[in-house]
Amino acid sequence: MEGKRPKNNWRHFLHHTISPSLRPNAQSRTASGVTVTDDVITVFNEMKVRKAQANEDEKKKRKKAVLFCLSEDKKHIILEEGQEILTGDVGVTVQDPYLHFVKMLPPDDCRYALYDATYETKETKKEDLVFIFWAPDGAPLKSKMIYASSKDAIKKKFTGIKHEWQVNGLEDIKDRRTLADKLGGSSVVTLEGSPL
């Protein structure tokens, strides 16, 4: 019996004959093979859940915006260190969170971002997370391809996102009215406390 393969067990056969790098695994992988790190998922979950009982200190530490990038080896989607806005920064070191966020985007490379938009419609005040895929025209083609083919991996982890926005340059994002249109069109009257 030794040395024989079990009959009709193709899954066992394939598992032992296919290269480990080609085997499917439980992690979310894309066609590019990129995975999402746990830190990214934790940040998303923290931004998604708004705690009504949060004290002032907790509210100040909430993330208003954060950028994600590919690791140096292009195998993982990670938090981009130092590229975030905390709600406690707004009005202190950051006067206009939307414009500050736009300035955080690199002019010559791709990024993924989460932006926690605060806006008012004619009826009510709202907060929604916006997933942004930043792919500026000046980014290298290889970077655009890897980020585009890896976008599904991060989107699958960001369950419940209502708004997704692909942006290809500053002209598409610098005017806050463009984001307002994504959030609710003409019914949006203010964004981040500023009238449109």
C-alpha atoms as a PDB file:
ATOM      1  CA  MET A   1       0.000   0.000   0.000  1.00  0.00           C
ATOM      2  CA  GLU A   2       2.930   2.317   0.614  1.00  0.00           C
ATOM      3  CA  GLY A   3       3.703   4.616  -2.313  1.00  0.00           C
ATOM      4  CA  LYS A   4       0.224   4.236  -3.793  1.00  0.00           C
ATOM      5  CA  ARG A   5      -2.128   7.186  -4.113  1.00  0.00           C
ATOM      6  CA  PRO A   6      -5.615   6.777  -2.681  1.00  0.00           C
ATOM      7  CA  LYS A   7      -8.095   6.097  -5.463  1.00  0.00           C
ATOM      8  CA  ASN A   8     -10.560   8.835  -6.407  1.00  0.00           C
ATOM      9  CA  ASN A   9      -9.068  11.299  -3.977  1.00  0.00           C
ATOM     10  CA  TRP A  10      -8.027  14.063  -6.334  1.00  0.00           C
ATOM     11  CA  ARG A  11      -8.040  16.714  -3.631  1.00  0.00           C
ATOM     12  CA  HIS A  12      -5.397  14.763  -1.690  1.00  0.00           C
ATOM     13  CA  PHE A  13      -3.423  14.177  -4.881  1.00  0.00           C
ATOM     14  CA  LEU A  14      -3.528  17.845  -5.921  1.00  0.00           C
ATOM     15  CA  HIS A  15      -2.611  19.034  -2.445  1.00  0.00           C
ATOM     16  CA  HIS A  16       0.565  16.956  -2.484  1.00  0.00           C
ATOM     17  CA  THR A  17       1.576  17.592  -6.084  1.00  0.00           C
ATOM     18  CA  ILE A  18       0.875  21.323  -6.513  1.00  0.00           C
ATOM     19  CA  SER A  19       3.379  23.889  -5.347  1.00  0.00           C
ATOM     20  CA  PRO A  20       2.396  25.340  -1.927  1.00  0.00           C
ATOM     21  CA  SER A  21       2.356  28.855  -3.395  1.00  0.00           C
ATOM     22  CA  LEU A  22      -0.425  27.814  -5.778  1.00  0.00           C
ATOM     23  CA  ARG A  23      -2.624  26.077  -3.220  1.00  0.00           C
ATOM     24  CA  PRO A  24      -5.726  27.911  -2.051  1.00  0.00           C
ATOM     25  CA  ASN A  25      -5.738  28.945   1.578  1.00  0.00           C
ATOM     26  CA  ALA A  26      -8.168  30.437   4.065  1.00  0.00           C
ATOM     27  CA  GLN A  27      -6.756  33.965   3.745  1.00  0.00           C
ATOM     28  CA  SER A  28      -8.245  36.336   1.213  1.00  0.00           C
ATOM     29  CA  ARG A  29      -5.911  36.201  -1.750  1.00  0.00           C
ATOM     30  CA  THR A  30      -6.309  37.880  -5.087  1.00  0.00           C
ATOM     31  CA  ALA A  31      -5.087  37.037  -8.546  1.00  0.00           C
ATOM     32  CA  SER A  32      -1.965  38.987  -7.576  1.00  0.00           C
ATOM     33  CA  GLY A  33      -1.532  36.866  -4.420  1.00  0.00           C
ATOM     34  CA  VAL A  34      -1.831  39.892  -2.115  1.00  0.00           C
ATOM     35  CA  THR A  35      -3.335  39.435   1.366  1.00  0.00           C
ATOM     36  CA  VAL A  36      -4.793  41.937   3.833  1.00  0.00           C
ATOM     37  CA  THR A  37      -3.051  42.203   7.210  1.00  0.00           C
ATOM     38  CA  ASP A  38      -4.950  41.944  10.501  1.00  0.00           C
ATOM     39  CA  ASP A  39      -4.014  45.562  11.367  1.00  0.00           C
ATOM     40  CA  VAL A  40      -5.954  46.786   8.324  1.00  0.00           C
ATOM     41  CA  ILE A  41      -9.029  44.787   9.337  1.00  0.00           C
ATOM     42  CA  THR A  42      -8.776  46.047  12.937  1.00  0.00           C
ATOM     43  CA  VAL A  43      -8.623  49.684  11.795  1.00  0.00           C
ATOM     44  CA  PHE A  44     -11.626  49.157   9.522  1.00  0.00           C
ATOM     45  CA  ASN A  45     -13.661  47.580  12.332  1.00  0.00           C
ATOM     46  CA  GLU A  46     -12.731  50.408  14.718  1.00  0.00           C
ATOM     47  CA  MET A  47     -13.771  53.020  12.160  1.00  0.00           C
ATOM     48  CA  LYS A  48     -16.989  51.190  11.329  1.00  0.00           C
ATOM     49  CA  VAL A  49     -18.238  50.841  14.892  1.00  0.00           C
ATOM     50  CA  ARG A  50     -19.229  54.104  16.511  1.00  0.00           C
ATOM     51  CA  LYS A  51     -19.557  53.715  20.253  1.00  0.00           C
ATOM     52  CA  ALA A  52     -22.306  55.887  21.691  1.00  0.00           C
ATOM     53  CA  GLN A  53     -20.772  55.539  25.160  1.00  0.00           C
ATOM     54  CA  ALA A  54     -17.243  56.491  24.048  1.00  0.00           C
ATOM     55  CA  ASN A  55     -15.587  59.019  26.322  1.00  0.00           C
ATOM     56  CA  GLU A  56     -13.902  62.167  24.968  1.00  0.00           C
ATOM     57  CA  ASP A  57     -10.449  60.574  24.965  1.00  0.00           C
ATOM     58  CA  GLU A  58     -11.688  57.578  22.931  1.00  0.00           C
ATOM     59  CA  LYS A  59     -13.461  59.899  20.485  1.00  0.00           C
ATOM     60  CA  LYS A  60     -10.261  61.900  19.933  1.00  0.00           C
ATOM     61  CA  LYS A  61      -8.344  58.709  19.064  1.00  0.00           C
ATOM     62  CA  ARG A  62     -10.882  57.592  16.453  1.00  0.00           C
ATOM     63  CA  LYS A  63      -9.503  57.610  12.951  1.00  0.00           C
ATOM     64  CA  LYS A  64     -11.074  60.101  10.553  1.00  0.00           C
ATOM     65  CA  ALA A  65      -9.004  58.969   7.579  1.00  0.00           C
ATOM     66  CA  VAL A  66      -6.311  56.397   6.946  1.00  0.00           C
ATOM     67  CA  LEU A  67      -4.206  55.271   3.987  1.00  0.00           C
ATOM     68  CA  PHE A  68      -3.278  51.686   3.123  1.00  0.00           C
ATOM     69  CA  CYS A  69      -0.459  50.631   0.832  1.00  0.00           C
ATOM     70  CA  LEU A  70       1.280  47.501  -0.363  1.00  0.00           C
ATOM     71  CA  SER A  71       4.183  46.167   1.671  1.00  0.00           C
ATOM     72  CA  GLU A  72       7.659  46.479   0.125  1.00  0.00           C
ATOM     73  CA  ASP A  73       7.512  42.867  -1.097  1.00  0.00           C
ATOM     74  CA  LYS A  74       4.069  43.601  -2.685  1.00  0.00           C
ATOM     75  CA  LYS A  75       2.497  40.638  -0.856  1.00  0.00           C
ATOM     76  CA  HIS A  76       0.395  42.396   1.802  1.00  0.00           C
ATOM     77  CA  ILE A  77      -1.940  45.351   2.122  1.00  0.00           C
ATOM     78  CA  ILE A  78      -0.765  47.249   5.210  1.00  0.00           C
ATOM     79  CA  LEU A  79      -1.410  50.484   7.095  1.00  0.00           C
ATOM     80  CA  GLU A  80       0.731  53.282   5.727  1.00  0.00           C
ATOM     81  CA  GLU A  81       2.619  54.482   8.762  1.00  0.00           C
ATOM     82  CA  GLY A  82       1.905  58.064   9.793  1.00  0.00           C
ATOM     83  CA  GLN A  83      -0.784  58.541   7.140  1.00  0.00           C
ATOM     84  CA  GLU A  84      -3.903  59.069   9.211  1.00  0.00           C
ATOM     85  CA  ILE A  85      -6.109  61.786  10.622  1.00  0.00           C
ATOM     86  CA  LEU A  86      -7.555  61.350  14.112  1.00  0.00           C
ATOM     87  CA  THR A  87     -10.858  62.989  15.008  1.00  0.00           C
ATOM     88  CA  GLY A  88      -9.003  64.685  17.900  1.00  0.00           C
ATOM     89  CA  ASP A  89      -6.758  66.433  15.329  1.00  0.00           C
ATOM     90  CA  VAL A  90      -9.731  68.131  13.660  1.00  0.00           C
ATOM     91  CA  GLY A  91      -9.882  71.773  14.712  1.00  0.00           C
ATOM     92  CA  VAL A  92      -6.508  71.488  16.461  1.00  0.00           C
ATOM     93  CA  THR A  93      -3.740  70.537  14.000  1.00  0.00           C
ATOM     94  CA  VAL A  94      -6.094  69.830  11.082  1.00  0.00           C
ATOM     95  CA  GLN A  95      -8.472  72.640  10.145  1.00  0.00           C
ATOM     96  CA  ASP A  96     -10.136  71.028   7.131  1.00  0.00           C
ATOM     97  CA  PRO A  97      -9.990  67.214   7.359  1.00  0.00           C
ATOM     98  CA  TYR A  98     -11.054  66.696   3.745  1.00  0.00           C
ATOM     99  CA  LEU A  99      -8.368  68.961   2.257  1.00  0.00           C
ATOM    100  CA  HIS A 100      -5.776  67.491   4.651  1.00  0.00           C
ATOM    101  CA  PHE A 101      -6.767  64.002   3.493  1.00  0.00           C
ATOM    102  CA  VAL A 102      -6.439  64.994  -0.186  1.00  0.00           C
ATOM    103  CA  LYS A 103      -2.920  66.315   0.516  1.00  0.00           C
ATOM    104  CA  MET A 104      -1.971  62.962   2.112  1.00  0.00           C
ATOM    105  CA  LEU A 105      -2.466  61.145  -1.226  1.00  0.00           C
ATOM    106  CA  PRO A 106       0.854  60.602  -3.052  1.00  0.00           C
ATOM    107  CA  PRO A 107       0.904  62.211  -6.520  1.00  0.00           C
ATOM    108  CA  ASP A 108       2.908  59.380  -8.083  1.00  0.00           C
ATOM    109  CA  ASP A 109       1.652  56.110  -6.570  1.00  0.00           C
ATOM    110  CA  CYS A 110      -1.555  54.234  -5.788  1.00  0.00           C
ATOM    111  CA  ARG A 111      -3.225  53.809  -2.389  1.00  0.00           C
ATOM    112  CA  TYR A 112      -6.379  52.527  -0.766  1.00  0.00           C
ATOM    113  CA  ALA A 113      -8.047  54.774   1.778  1.00  0.00           C
ATOM    114  CA  LEU A 114     -10.903  54.932   4.240  1.00  0.00           C
ATOM    115  CA  TYR A 115     -12.448  58.324   4.877  1.00  0.00           C
ATOM    116  CA  ASP A 116     -15.082  58.806   7.588  1.00  0.00           C
ATOM    117  CA  ALA A 117     -17.237  61.518   6.030  1.00  0.00           C
ATOM    118  CA  THR A 118     -19.433  63.719   8.222  1.00  0.00           C
ATOM    119  CA  TYR A 119     -22.130  65.463   6.232  1.00  0.00           C
ATOM    120  CA  GLU A 120     -25.601  66.894   6.398  1.00  0.00           C
ATOM    121  CA  THR A 121     -28.458  66.376   4.029  1.00  0.00           C
ATOM    122  CA  LYS A 122     -31.572  68.530   3.943  1.00  0.00           C
ATOM    123  CA  GLU A 123     -33.095  66.055   6.426  1.00  0.00           C
ATOM    124  CA  THR A 124     -30.374  64.845   8.795  1.00  0.00           C
ATOM    125  CA  LYS A 125     -26.697  64.700   9.860  1.00  0.00           C
ATOM    126  CA  LYS A 126     -24.812  61.545   8.799  1.00  0.00           C
ATOM    127  CA  GLU A 127     -21.471  59.788   9.005  1.00  0.00           C
ATOM    128  CA  ASP A 128     -20.428  57.232   6.387  1.00  0.00           C
ATOM    129  CA  LEU A 129     -17.213  55.421   5.576  1.00  0.00           C
ATOM    130  CA  VAL A 130     -15.982  55.871   2.034  1.00  0.00           C
ATOM    131  CA  PHE A 131     -13.551  53.369   0.481  1.00  0.00           C
ATOM    132  CA  ILE A 132     -11.269  55.134  -1.986  1.00  0.00           C
ATOM    133  CA  PHE A 133      -8.998  53.546  -4.568  1.00  0.00           C
ATOM    134  CA  TRP A 134      -6.433  56.199  -5.476  1.00  0.00           C
ATOM    135  CA  ALA A 135      -4.770  55.453  -8.824  1.00  0.00           C
ATOM    136  CA  PRO A 136      -3.318  58.723 -10.153  1.00  0.00           C
ATOM    137  CA  ASP A 137      -2.343  59.023 -13.796  1.00  0.00           C
ATOM    138  CA  GLY A 138       1.285  59.605 -12.731  1.00  0.00           C
ATOM    139  CA  ALA A 139       1.581  56.244 -10.937  1.00  0.00           C
ATOM    140  CA  PRO A 140       3.747  53.544 -12.560  1.00  0.00           C
ATOM    141  CA  LEU A 141       1.765  51.093 -14.702  1.00  0.00           C
ATOM    142  CA  LYS A 142       2.977  48.120 -12.623  1.00  0.00           C
ATOM    143  CA  SER A 143       1.710  49.763  -9.429  1.00  0.00           C
ATOM    144  CA  LYS A 144      -1.677  50.492 -11.013  1.00  0.00           C
ATOM    145  CA  MET A 145      -1.958  46.871 -12.131  1.00  0.00           C
ATOM    146  CA  ILE A 146      -1.061  45.379  -8.731  1.00  0.00           C
ATOM    147  CA  TYR A 147      -3.352  47.742  -6.815  1.00  0.00           C
ATOM    148  CA  ALA A 148      -6.231  47.169  -9.255  1.00  0.00           C
ATOM    149  CA  SER A 149      -5.895  43.380  -9.134  1.00  0.00           C
ATOM    150  CA  SER A 150      -5.628  43.450  -5.309  1.00  0.00           C
ATOM    151  CA  LYS A 151      -8.581  45.774  -4.668  1.00  0.00           C
ATOM    152  CA  ASP A 152     -11.058  42.898  -4.232  1.00  0.00           C
ATOM    153  CA  ALA A 153      -9.009  41.461  -1.343  1.00  0.00           C
ATOM    154  CA  ILE A 154      -9.410  44.619   0.739  1.00  0.00           C
ATOM    155  CA  LYS A 155     -13.004  45.259  -0.370  1.00  0.00           C
ATOM    156  CA  LYS A 156     -14.041  41.768   0.775  1.00  0.00           C
ATOM    157  CA  LYS A 157     -12.681  42.554   4.234  1.00  0.00           C
ATOM    158  CA  PHE A 158     -14.510  45.905   4.369  1.00  0.00           C
ATOM    159  CA  THR A 159     -18.044  44.565   4.712  1.00  0.00           C
ATOM    160  CA  GLY A 160     -20.860  47.081   4.859  1.00  0.00           C
ATOM    161  CA  ILE A 161     -19.142  49.905   2.970  1.00  0.00           C
ATOM    162  CA  LYS A 162     -21.848  51.920   1.208  1.00  0.00           C
ATOM    163  CA  HIS A 163     -19.627  54.212  -0.817  1.00  0.00           C
ATOM    164  CA  GLU A 164     -16.722  53.285  -3.086  1.00  0.00           C
ATOM    165  CA  TRP A 165     -14.817  55.774  -5.168  1.00  0.00           C
ATOM    166  CA  GLN A 166     -12.028  55.252  -7.702  1.00  0.00           C
ATOM    167  CA  VAL A 167     -10.019  58.428  -8.147  1.00  0.00           C
ATOM    168  CA  ASN A 168      -7.478  58.932 -10.928  1.00  0.00           C
ATOM    169  CA  GLY A 169      -6.109  62.362 -10.101  1.00  0.00           C
ATOM    170  CA  LEU A 170      -6.389  65.497  -7.988  1.00  0.00           C
ATOM    171  CA  GLU A 171      -8.905  67.011 -10.411  1.00  0.00           C
ATOM    172  CA  ASP A 172     -11.309  64.187  -9.472  1.00  0.00           C
ATOM    173  CA  ILE A 173     -11.007  64.652  -5.701  1.00  0.00           C
ATOM    174  CA  LYS A 174      -9.931  68.182  -4.776  1.00  0.00           C
ATOM    175  CA  ASP A 175     -13.455  69.622  -4.882  1.00  0.00           C
ATOM    176  CA  ARG A 176     -15.494  68.465  -1.886  1.00  0.00           C
ATOM    177  CA  ARG A 177     -18.638  68.611  -4.034  1.00  0.00           C
ATOM    178  CA  THR A 178     -17.445  65.492  -5.849  1.00  0.00           C
ATOM    179  CA  LEU A 179     -17.431  63.531  -2.572  1.00  0.00           C
ATOM    180  CA  ALA A 180     -20.790  65.058  -1.644  1.00  0.00           C
ATOM    181  CA  ASP A 181     -22.191  63.748  -4.943  1.00  0.00           C
ATOM    182  CA  LYS A 182     -20.958  60.252  -4.062  1.00  0.00           C
ATOM    183  CA  LEU A 183     -22.580  60.479  -0.620  1.00  0.00           C
ATOM    184  CA  GLY A 184     -26.004  61.713  -1.609  1.00  0.00           C
ATOM    185  CA  GLY A 185     -25.969  64.013  -4.584  1.00  0.00           C
ATOM    186  CA  SER A 186     -27.852  67.277  -4.398  1.00  0.00           C
ATOM    187  CA  SER A 187     -29.401  66.390  -1.013  1.00  0.00           C
ATOM    188  CA  VAL A 188     -25.996  66.966   0.699  1.00  0.00           C
ATOM    189  CA  VAL A 189     -25.739  70.550   1.995  1.00  0.00           C
ATOM    190  CA  THR A 190     -22.568  70.422   4.149  1.00  0.00           C
ATOM    191  CA  LEU A 191     -19.430  68.276   4.265  1.00  0.00           C
ATOM    192  CA  GLU A 192     -17.206  68.341   7.348  1.00  0.00           C
ATOM    193  CA  GLY A 193     -19.211  71.299   8.640  1.00  0.00           C
ATOM    194  CA  SER A 194     -18.579  73.448   5.568  1.00  0.00           C
ATOM    195  CA  PRO A 195     -21.373  74.409   3.184  1.00  0.00           C
ATOM    196  CA  LEU A 196     -21.002  73.225  -0.400  1.00  0.00           C
END
